Amino acid sequence: MLRNVYAPLSAGVGQERLLEILANNMANTNTNGYKEDQVSFRGLEADPWPNYSNPNPPAPFKMDMKEVYPLRGNDMGYVSVADVKTDFAPGSLRRTDNNLDFAIQGEGFFAIMTPFGERYTRDGSFTLNRDGVLTTKNGAPVQGEKGAIAGLQEGNMRVLSSGEVYAGEKYIDKIKSVDFKDKKVLQRLGGNLYIHDGAPSNIIASSGEITQGHVELSNVNPMKNMSAMIIAHRTYEALQKTIKTHDENLGLSSSKVGEVNG
């Protein structure tokens, strides 16, 4: 009987997580270079035979399983979030004619130096600080092959598709753009940045070309995400009703047993 509660409960927790991801995607529809997240689920089928010393919980949240013994192992069959992965498909480019806007056509990320180390982004909407250093909107220096790219003036700055930066005819540096053999080790941070949580050998040179005067738009499909949000919300409501129904039936069963024993 408890399984009739725990199975839809675990599915409901999964739908909550899905709604969080979809809402975040929708909120970043107009964020330059944003890559949408996608959720996948897994179902653990009923298996009454194993008797694990550390049983799996009925949903991906902390719980003391001693409270629900004698249920064992996976004999409660439930749904869990299997993975949240980022879709790194490129977004479309928008022309801005702003000399400080850049987009990478193809694979690659801009390297940004933060107080906590090097981070990466696809958002090439940059600016110049008062010292002529190319930075993000948050003031983090954009990295070149020699470090921070400095000595620039907006009026005479130009960047070639290879990433070479010139102030008039004077060569300054080359914008550092990198790619990754396995993007699964990239972790999303705030400020539209990613941190690389893998081996240094996973970092390779970018094959993409840099386009000045353009920015890459978000790859979020708002219609697809809105439709998914509606489905997830309706599914969540249906699961709530299912849990409520089984809970009421369980209460009725307990009261009937009490009447018989009385």
C-alpha atoms as a PDB file:
ATOM      1  CA  MET A   1       0.000   0.000   0.000  1.00  0.00           C
ATOM      2  CA  LEU A   2       2.828   2.397   0.835  1.00  0.00           C
ATOM      3  CA  ARG A   3       4.280   1.865  -2.608  1.00  0.00           C
ATOM      4  CA  ASN A   4       1.142   3.441  -4.065  1.00  0.00           C
ATOM      5  CA  VAL A   5       2.176   6.606  -2.212  1.00  0.00           C
ATOM      6  CA  TYR A   6       5.948   6.530  -2.652  1.00  0.00           C
ATOM      7  CA  ALA A   7       5.909   5.880  -6.412  1.00  0.00           C
ATOM      8  CA  PRO A   8       3.887   9.012  -7.308  1.00  0.00           C
ATOM      9  CA  LEU A   9       5.688  10.947  -4.551  1.00  0.00           C
ATOM     10  CA  SER A  10       9.078  10.279  -6.139  1.00  0.00           C
ATOM     11  CA  ALA A  11       7.657  11.224  -9.536  1.00  0.00           C
ATOM     12  CA  GLY A  12       6.318  14.461  -8.046  1.00  0.00           C
ATOM     13  CA  VAL A  13       9.766  15.358  -6.683  1.00  0.00           C
ATOM     14  CA  GLY A  14      11.167  14.758 -10.169  1.00  0.00           C
ATOM     15  CA  GLN A  15       8.536  17.044 -11.703  1.00  0.00           C
ATOM     16  CA  GLU A  16       9.465  19.769  -9.211  1.00  0.00           C
ATOM     17  CA  ARG A  17      13.080  19.558 -10.338  1.00  0.00           C
ATOM     18  CA  LEU A  18      11.982  19.608 -13.981  1.00  0.00           C
ATOM     19  CA  LEU A  19       9.896  22.730 -13.403  1.00  0.00           C
ATOM     20  CA  GLU A  20      12.888  24.449 -11.775  1.00  0.00           C
ATOM     21  CA  ILE A  21      15.083  23.698 -14.796  1.00  0.00           C
ATOM     22  CA  LEU A  22      12.448  24.769 -17.318  1.00  0.00           C
ATOM     23  CA  ALA A  23      11.735  27.991 -15.417  1.00  0.00           C
ATOM     24  CA  ASN A  24      15.463  28.818 -15.388  1.00  0.00           C
ATOM     25  CA  ASN A  25      15.652  28.168 -19.126  1.00  0.00           C
ATOM     26  CA  MET A  26      12.716  30.490 -19.736  1.00  0.00           C
ATOM     27  CA  ALA A  27      14.238  33.193 -17.529  1.00  0.00           C
ATOM     28  CA  ASN A  28      17.381  33.120 -19.686  1.00  0.00           C
ATOM     29  CA  THR A  29      15.697  33.194 -23.081  1.00  0.00           C
ATOM     30  CA  ASN A  30      17.251  36.623 -23.735  1.00  0.00           C
ATOM     31  CA  THR A  31      20.622  35.948 -22.073  1.00  0.00           C
ATOM     32  CA  ASN A  32      23.458  36.124 -24.597  1.00  0.00           C
ATOM     33  CA  GLY A  33      25.204  32.788 -25.115  1.00  0.00           C
ATOM     34  CA  TYR A  34      23.026  30.940 -22.597  1.00  0.00           C
ATOM     35  CA  LYS A  35      22.753  27.157 -23.075  1.00  0.00           C
ATOM     36  CA  GLU A  36      19.597  25.436 -21.922  1.00  0.00           C
ATOM     37  CA  ASP A  37      19.574  22.553 -19.460  1.00  0.00           C
ATOM     38  CA  GLN A  38      17.725  19.326 -20.123  1.00  0.00           C
ATOM     39  CA  VAL A  39      16.483  16.755 -17.606  1.00  0.00           C
ATOM     40  CA  SER A  40      16.349  12.997 -17.991  1.00  0.00           C
ATOM     41  CA  PHE A  41      14.693  10.513 -15.652  1.00  0.00           C
ATOM     42  CA  ARG A  42      15.174   6.886 -14.726  1.00  0.00           C
ATOM     43  CA  GLY A  43      12.745   4.393 -13.293  1.00  0.00           C
ATOM     44  CA  LEU A  44      13.765   1.719 -10.809  1.00  0.00           C
ATOM     45  CA  GLU A  45      11.538  -1.266 -11.388  1.00  0.00           C
ATOM     46  CA  ALA A  46      10.035  -3.283  -8.549  1.00  0.00           C
ATOM     47  CA  ASP A  47      12.403  -6.012  -7.421  1.00  0.00           C
ATOM     48  CA  PRO A  48      11.309  -7.701  -4.168  1.00  0.00           C
ATOM     49  CA  TRP A  49      14.270 -10.073  -3.962  1.00  0.00           C
ATOM     50  CA  PRO A  50      17.336  -7.975  -3.045  1.00  0.00           C
ATOM     51  CA  ASN A  51      17.781  -7.171   0.608  1.00  0.00           C
ATOM     52  CA  TYR A  52      20.308  -4.333   0.571  1.00  0.00           C
ATOM     53  CA  SER A  53      21.953  -3.169   3.769  1.00  0.00           C
ATOM     54  CA  ASN A  54      21.499   0.423   2.590  1.00  0.00           C
ATOM     55  CA  PRO A  55      18.165   0.542   0.738  1.00  0.00           C
ATOM     56  CA  ASN A  56      17.578   3.147  -1.938  1.00  0.00           C
ATOM     57  CA  PRO A  57      15.198   5.898  -0.818  1.00  0.00           C
ATOM     58  CA  PRO A  58      11.859   6.239  -2.597  1.00  0.00           C
ATOM     59  CA  ALA A  59      12.842   9.653  -3.959  1.00  0.00           C
ATOM     60  CA  PRO A  60      16.061  11.666  -4.379  1.00  0.00           C
ATOM     61  CA  PHE A  61      15.936  13.403  -1.011  1.00  0.00           C
ATOM     62  CA  LYS A  62      17.361  12.557   2.400  1.00  0.00           C
ATOM     63  CA  MET A  63      15.251  10.179   4.442  1.00  0.00           C
ATOM     64  CA  ASP A  64      15.759   7.671   7.233  1.00  0.00           C
ATOM     65  CA  MET A  65      14.640   4.385   5.696  1.00  0.00           C
ATOM     66  CA  LYS A  66      14.182   2.822   9.138  1.00  0.00           C
ATOM     67  CA  GLU A  67      10.934   4.760   9.297  1.00  0.00           C
ATOM     68  CA  VAL A  68       9.477   2.762   6.424  1.00  0.00           C
ATOM     69  CA  TYR A  69      10.804  -0.724   7.149  1.00  0.00           C
ATOM     70  CA  PRO A  70      10.163  -3.590   6.432  1.00  0.00           C
ATOM     71  CA  LEU A  71      10.244  -2.380   2.816  1.00  0.00           C
ATOM     72  CA  ARG A  72      13.536  -3.447   1.265  1.00  0.00           C
ATOM     73  CA  GLY A  73      15.765  -2.583  -1.659  1.00  0.00           C
ATOM     74  CA  ASN A  74      13.911  -1.496  -4.751  1.00  0.00           C
ATOM     75  CA  ASP A  75      10.622  -3.186  -3.914  1.00  0.00           C
ATOM     76  CA  MET A  76       9.066   0.302  -3.852  1.00  0.00           C
ATOM     77  CA  GLY A  77       9.732   1.025  -7.592  1.00  0.00           C
ATOM     78  CA  TYR A  78      10.197   4.775  -8.038  1.00  0.00           C
ATOM     79  CA  VAL A  79      11.310   7.530 -10.401  1.00  0.00           C
ATOM     80  CA  SER A  80      14.475   9.577  -9.993  1.00  0.00           C
ATOM     81  CA  VAL A  81      16.245  12.367 -11.886  1.00  0.00           C
ATOM     82  CA  ALA A  82      18.982  10.570 -13.802  1.00  0.00           C
ATOM     83  CA  ASP A  83      20.841  13.563 -15.211  1.00  0.00           C
ATOM     84  CA  VAL A  84      20.693  17.299 -15.829  1.00  0.00           C
ATOM     85  CA  LYS A  85      22.800  18.062 -18.873  1.00  0.00           C
ATOM     86  CA  THR A  86      23.480  21.243 -20.797  1.00  0.00           C
ATOM     87  CA  ASP A  87      22.712  21.493 -24.498  1.00  0.00           C
ATOM     88  CA  PHE A  88      25.753  23.241 -25.960  1.00  0.00           C
ATOM     89  CA  ALA A  89      24.236  23.641 -29.422  1.00  0.00           C
ATOM     90  CA  PRO A  90      25.094  27.115 -30.781  1.00  0.00           C
ATOM     91  CA  GLY A  91      22.515  29.881 -30.703  1.00  0.00           C
ATOM     92  CA  SER A  92      21.876  32.218 -33.616  1.00  0.00           C
ATOM     93  CA  LEU A  93      23.974  35.355 -34.069  1.00  0.00           C
ATOM     94  CA  ARG A  94      22.626  38.888 -33.828  1.00  0.00           C
ATOM     95  CA  ARG A  95      24.424  41.774 -35.448  1.00  0.00           C
ATOM     96  CA  THR A  96      25.009  44.705 -33.119  1.00  0.00           C
ATOM     97  CA  ASP A  97      27.729  46.713 -34.955  1.00  0.00           C
ATOM     98  CA  ASN A  98      29.287  47.260 -31.525  1.00  0.00           C
ATOM     99  CA  ASN A  99      33.079  46.850 -31.677  1.00  0.00           C
ATOM    100  CA  LEU A 100      33.049  45.336 -28.186  1.00  0.00           C
ATOM    101  CA  ASP A 101      30.600  42.552 -29.029  1.00  0.00           C
ATOM    102  CA  PHE A 102      31.999  39.205 -30.143  1.00  0.00           C
ATOM    103  CA  ALA A 103      30.606  35.801 -31.043  1.00  0.00           C
ATOM    104  CA  ILE A 104      32.295  32.466 -31.650  1.00  0.00           C
ATOM    105  CA  GLN A 105      31.026  30.748 -34.780  1.00  0.00           C
ATOM    106  CA  GLY A 106      31.456  27.062 -34.109  1.00  0.00           C
ATOM    107  CA  GLU A 107      32.924  25.359 -31.061  1.00  0.00           C
ATOM    108  CA  GLY A 108      34.711  27.225 -28.312  1.00  0.00           C
ATOM    109  CA  PHE A 109      34.489  29.451 -25.245  1.00  0.00           C
ATOM    110  CA  PHE A 110      36.005  32.776 -24.264  1.00  0.00           C
ATOM    111  CA  ALA A 111      38.441  32.516 -21.342  1.00  0.00           C
ATOM    112  CA  ILE A 112      37.674  34.906 -18.471  1.00  0.00           C
ATOM    113  CA  MET A 113      39.861  35.553 -15.427  1.00  0.00           C
ATOM    114  CA  THR A 114      38.028  35.839 -12.113  1.00  0.00           C
ATOM    115  CA  PRO A 115      39.352  36.190  -8.552  1.00  0.00           C
ATOM    116  CA  PHE A 116      38.828  32.424  -8.245  1.00  0.00           C
ATOM    117  CA  GLY A 117      40.631  31.419 -11.424  1.00  0.00           C
ATOM    118  CA  GLU A 118      39.908  31.047 -15.112  1.00  0.00           C
ATOM    119  CA  ARG A 119      36.296  30.573 -16.167  1.00  0.00           C
ATOM    120  CA  TYR A 120      34.602  30.209 -19.552  1.00  0.00           C
ATOM    121  CA  THR A 121      31.646  31.729 -21.377  1.00  0.00           C
ATOM    122  CA  ARG A 122      29.940  31.974 -24.753  1.00  0.00           C
ATOM    123  CA  ASP A 123      28.701  35.469 -23.953  1.00  0.00           C
ATOM    124  CA  GLY A 124      30.929  37.853 -25.895  1.00  0.00           C
ATOM    125  CA  SER A 125      29.208  41.078 -24.880  1.00  0.00           C
ATOM    126  CA  PHE A 126      32.284  42.834 -23.512  1.00  0.00           C
ATOM    127  CA  THR A 127      33.299  46.336 -22.507  1.00  0.00           C
ATOM    128  CA  LEU A 128      36.440  48.403 -21.813  1.00  0.00           C
ATOM    129  CA  ASN A 129      37.322  49.613 -18.345  1.00  0.00           C
ATOM    130  CA  ARG A 130      38.977  52.955 -17.670  1.00  0.00           C
ATOM    131  CA  ASP A 131      42.418  51.363 -18.106  1.00  0.00           C
ATOM    132  CA  GLY A 132      41.625  50.112 -21.607  1.00  0.00           C
ATOM    133  CA  VAL A 133      41.292  46.482 -20.508  1.00  0.00           C
ATOM    134  CA  LEU A 134      38.736  44.277 -22.286  1.00  0.00           C
ATOM    135  CA  THR A 135      36.355  42.898 -19.647  1.00  0.00           C
ATOM    136  CA  THR A 136      32.965  41.294 -19.178  1.00  0.00           C
ATOM    137  CA  LYS A 137      30.024  43.426 -18.028  1.00  0.00           C
ATOM    138  CA  ASN A 138      30.912  42.331 -14.487  1.00  0.00           C
ATOM    139  CA  GLY A 139      34.474  43.619 -14.809  1.00  0.00           C
ATOM    140  CA  ALA A 140      36.311  40.287 -15.214  1.00  0.00           C
ATOM    141  CA  PRO A 141      39.232  40.579 -17.688  1.00  0.00           C
ATOM    142  CA  VAL A 142      38.933  38.740 -20.989  1.00  0.00           C
ATOM    143  CA  GLN A 143      42.008  36.601 -21.463  1.00  0.00           C
ATOM    144  CA  GLY A 144      44.442  36.726 -24.338  1.00  0.00           C
ATOM    145  CA  GLU A 145      47.442  34.515 -24.953  1.00  0.00           C
ATOM    146  CA  LYS A 146      49.551  36.923 -22.856  1.00  0.00           C
ATOM    147  CA  GLY A 147      46.983  37.528 -20.124  1.00  0.00           C
ATOM    148  CA  ALA A 148      44.510  40.393 -19.839  1.00  0.00           C
ATOM    149  CA  ILE A 149      44.000  42.266 -23.131  1.00  0.00           C
ATOM    150  CA  ALA A 150      44.942  45.890 -22.422  1.00  0.00           C
ATOM    151  CA  GLY A 151      45.877  49.123 -24.208  1.00  0.00           C
ATOM    152  CA  LEU A 152      42.641  49.360 -26.193  1.00  0.00           C
ATOM    153  CA  GLN A 153      40.396  52.172 -27.326  1.00  0.00           C
ATOM    154  CA  GLU A 154      36.903  51.411 -28.581  1.00  0.00           C
ATOM    155  CA  GLY A 155      37.114  53.611 -31.669  1.00  0.00           C
ATOM    156  CA  ASN A 156      40.152  51.977 -33.291  1.00  0.00           C
ATOM    157  CA  MET A 157      39.859  48.422 -32.003  1.00  0.00           C
ATOM    158  CA  ARG A 158      39.423  45.570 -34.462  1.00  0.00           C
ATOM    159  CA  VAL A 159      39.532  41.797 -34.102  1.00  0.00           C
ATOM    160  CA  LEU A 160      40.179  39.291 -36.868  1.00  0.00           C
ATOM    161  CA  SER A 161      38.326  36.001 -37.207  1.00  0.00           C
ATOM    162  CA  SER A 162      41.415  34.268 -35.783  1.00  0.00           C
ATOM    163  CA  GLY A 163      41.020  36.316 -32.586  1.00  0.00           C
ATOM    164  CA  GLU A 164      43.969  38.662 -33.193  1.00  0.00           C
ATOM    165  CA  VAL A 165      43.334  42.046 -31.591  1.00  0.00           C
ATOM    166  CA  TYR A 166      44.606  45.308 -33.098  1.00  0.00           C
ATOM    167  CA  ALA A 167      44.533  48.890 -31.888  1.00  0.00           C
ATOM    168  CA  GLY A 168      44.670  50.648 -35.227  1.00  0.00           C
ATOM    169  CA  GLU A 169      47.551  48.888 -36.978  1.00  0.00           C
ATOM    170  CA  LYS A 170      49.252  47.844 -33.743  1.00  0.00           C
ATOM    171  CA  TYR A 171      48.970  44.183 -32.771  1.00  0.00           C
ATOM    172  CA  ILE A 172      47.912  43.818 -29.133  1.00  0.00           C
ATOM    173  CA  ASP A 173      47.205  40.146 -28.406  1.00  0.00           C
ATOM    174  CA  LYS A 174      45.072  37.223 -29.482  1.00  0.00           C
ATOM    175  CA  ILE A 175      41.802  36.457 -27.695  1.00  0.00           C
ATOM    176  CA  LYS A 176      42.084  33.153 -25.874  1.00  0.00           C
ATOM    177  CA  SER A 177      39.299  30.801 -26.907  1.00  0.00           C
ATOM    178  CA  VAL A 178      39.295  27.178 -25.854  1.00  0.00           C
ATOM    179  CA  ASP A 179      37.199  24.080 -26.320  1.00  0.00           C
ATOM    180  CA  PHE A 180      36.814  20.826 -24.407  1.00  0.00           C
ATOM    181  CA  LYS A 181      37.012  17.211 -25.510  1.00  0.00           C
ATOM    182  CA  ASP A 182      34.290  16.358 -23.006  1.00  0.00           C
ATOM    183  CA  LYS A 183      31.909  19.195 -22.129  1.00  0.00           C
ATOM    184  CA  LYS A 184      30.180  17.111 -19.455  1.00  0.00           C
ATOM    185  CA  VAL A 185      32.820  18.225 -16.955  1.00  0.00           C
ATOM    186  CA  LEU A 186      31.789  21.868 -17.365  1.00  0.00           C
ATOM    187  CA  GLN A 187      29.770  23.131 -14.407  1.00  0.00           C
ATOM    188  CA  ARG A 188      27.484  26.121 -14.702  1.00  0.00           C
ATOM    189  CA  LEU A 189      28.213  29.096 -12.445  1.00  0.00           C
ATOM    190  CA  GLY A 190      26.517  32.446 -11.962  1.00  0.00           C
ATOM    191  CA  GLY A 191      27.204  35.302 -14.341  1.00  0.00           C
ATOM    192  CA  ASN A 192      26.829  33.060 -17.417  1.00  0.00           C
ATOM    193  CA  LEU A 193      30.183  31.432 -16.668  1.00  0.00           C
ATOM    194  CA  TYR A 194      31.353  27.817 -16.560  1.00  0.00           C
ATOM    195  CA  ILE A 195      34.096  26.176 -14.536  1.00  0.00           C
ATOM    196  CA  HIS A 196      36.125  23.296 -15.926  1.00  0.00           C
ATOM    197  CA  ASP A 197      36.163  20.386 -13.492  1.00  0.00           C
ATOM    198  CA  GLY A 198      38.313  17.990 -15.466  1.00  0.00           C
ATOM    199  CA  ALA A 199      41.892  17.158 -16.332  1.00  0.00           C
ATOM    200  CA  PRO A 200      43.978  19.865 -18.082  1.00  0.00           C
ATOM    201  CA  SER A 201      44.342  17.515 -21.057  1.00  0.00           C
ATOM    202  CA  ASN A 202      40.599  17.926 -21.667  1.00  0.00           C
ATOM    203  CA  ILE A 203      41.170  21.573 -22.674  1.00  0.00           C
ATOM    204  CA  ILE A 204      41.957  22.040 -26.361  1.00  0.00           C
ATOM    205  CA  ALA A 205      42.222  24.943 -28.787  1.00  0.00           C
ATOM    206  CA  SER A 206      38.971  26.284 -30.193  1.00  0.00           C
ATOM    207  CA  SER A 207      38.191  25.646 -33.840  1.00  0.00           C
ATOM    208  CA  GLY A 208      35.586  28.409 -33.984  1.00  0.00           C
ATOM    209  CA  GLU A 209      35.990  31.780 -35.647  1.00  0.00           C
ATOM    210  CA  ILE A 210      35.460  35.039 -33.783  1.00  0.00           C
ATOM    211  CA  THR A 211      33.064  37.548 -35.317  1.00  0.00           C
ATOM    212  CA  GLN A 212      33.235  41.163 -34.174  1.00  0.00           C
ATOM    213  CA  GLY A 213      30.076  43.246 -33.950  1.00  0.00           C
ATOM    214  CA  HIS A 214      27.851  40.235 -33.218  1.00  0.00           C
ATOM    215  CA  VAL A 215      26.605  38.390 -30.140  1.00  0.00           C
ATOM    216  CA  GLU A 216      25.374  34.833 -29.811  1.00  0.00           C
ATOM    217  CA  LEU A 217      21.811  34.560 -28.586  1.00  0.00           C
ATOM    218  CA  SER A 218      20.449  31.969 -26.183  1.00  0.00           C
ATOM    219  CA  ASN A 219      19.701  28.536 -27.654  1.00  0.00           C
ATOM    220  CA  VAL A 220      16.541  28.224 -25.530  1.00  0.00           C
ATOM    221  CA  ASN A 221      13.412  27.372 -27.504  1.00  0.00           C
ATOM    222  CA  PRO A 222      10.740  29.259 -25.527  1.00  0.00           C
ATOM    223  CA  MET A 223       7.775  27.474 -27.120  1.00  0.00           C
ATOM    224  CA  LYS A 224       9.224  24.037 -26.407  1.00  0.00           C
ATOM    225  CA  ASN A 225      10.061  24.946 -22.821  1.00  0.00           C
ATOM    226  CA  MET A 226       6.664  26.558 -22.205  1.00  0.00           C
ATOM    227  CA  SER A 227       4.875  23.466 -23.501  1.00  0.00           C
ATOM    228  CA  ALA A 228       7.064  21.272 -21.288  1.00  0.00           C
ATOM    229  CA  MET A 229       6.258  23.465 -18.269  1.00  0.00           C
ATOM    230  CA  ILE A 230       2.519  23.090 -18.857  1.00  0.00           C
ATOM    231  CA  ILE A 231       2.840  19.298 -19.160  1.00  0.00           C
ATOM    232  CA  ALA A 232       5.039  19.093 -16.046  1.00  0.00           C
ATOM    233  CA  HIS A 233       2.614  21.216 -14.036  1.00  0.00           C
ATOM    234  CA  ARG A 234      -0.379  19.102 -15.052  1.00  0.00           C
ATOM    235  CA  THR A 235       1.568  15.932 -14.312  1.00  0.00           C
ATOM    236  CA  TYR A 236       2.476  17.274 -10.872  1.00  0.00           C
ATOM    237  CA  GLU A 237      -1.178  18.052 -10.109  1.00  0.00           C
ATOM    238  CA  ALA A 238      -2.230  14.551 -11.207  1.00  0.00           C
ATOM    239  CA  LEU A 239       0.422  13.010  -8.961  1.00  0.00           C
ATOM    240  CA  GLN A 240      -0.799  15.113  -6.029  1.00  0.00           C
ATOM    241  CA  LYS A 241      -4.324  13.835  -6.537  1.00  0.00           C
ATOM    242  CA  THR A 242      -3.041  10.257  -6.749  1.00  0.00           C
ATOM    243  CA  ILE A 243      -1.140  10.589  -3.478  1.00  0.00           C
ATOM    244  CA  LYS A 244      -4.135  12.171  -1.775  1.00  0.00           C
ATOM    245  CA  THR A 245      -6.441   9.381  -2.964  1.00  0.00           C
ATOM    246  CA  HIS A 246      -4.120   6.611  -1.748  1.00  0.00           C
ATOM    247  CA  ASP A 247      -3.579   8.435   1.536  1.00  0.00           C
ATOM    248  CA  GLU A 248      -7.332   8.663   2.101  1.00  0.00           C
ATOM    249  CA  ASN A 249      -7.743   4.982   1.243  1.00  0.00           C
ATOM    250  CA  LEU A 250      -4.978   4.106   3.688  1.00  0.00           C
ATOM    251  CA  GLY A 251      -6.739   6.127   6.372  1.00  0.00           C
ATOM    252  CA  LEU A 252     -10.031   4.366   5.684  1.00  0.00           C
ATOM    253  CA  SER A 253      -8.319   0.982   5.820  1.00  0.00           C
ATOM    254  CA  SER A 254      -6.779   1.810   9.193  1.00  0.00           C
ATOM    255  CA  SER A 255     -10.092   2.961  10.624  1.00  0.00           C
ATOM    256  CA  LYS A 256     -11.867  -0.196   9.418  1.00  0.00           C
ATOM    257  CA  VAL A 257      -9.167  -2.354  10.992  1.00  0.00           C
ATOM    258  CA  GLY A 258      -9.653  -0.420  14.226  1.00  0.00           C
ATOM    259  CA  GLU A 259     -13.393  -1.038  14.113  1.00  0.00           C
ATOM    260  CA  VAL A 260     -12.898  -4.766  13.591  1.00  0.00           C
ATOM    261  CA  ASN A 261     -10.395  -5.011  16.432  1.00  0.00           C
ATOM    262  CA  GLY A 262     -12.756  -2.985  18.645  1.00  0.00           C
END
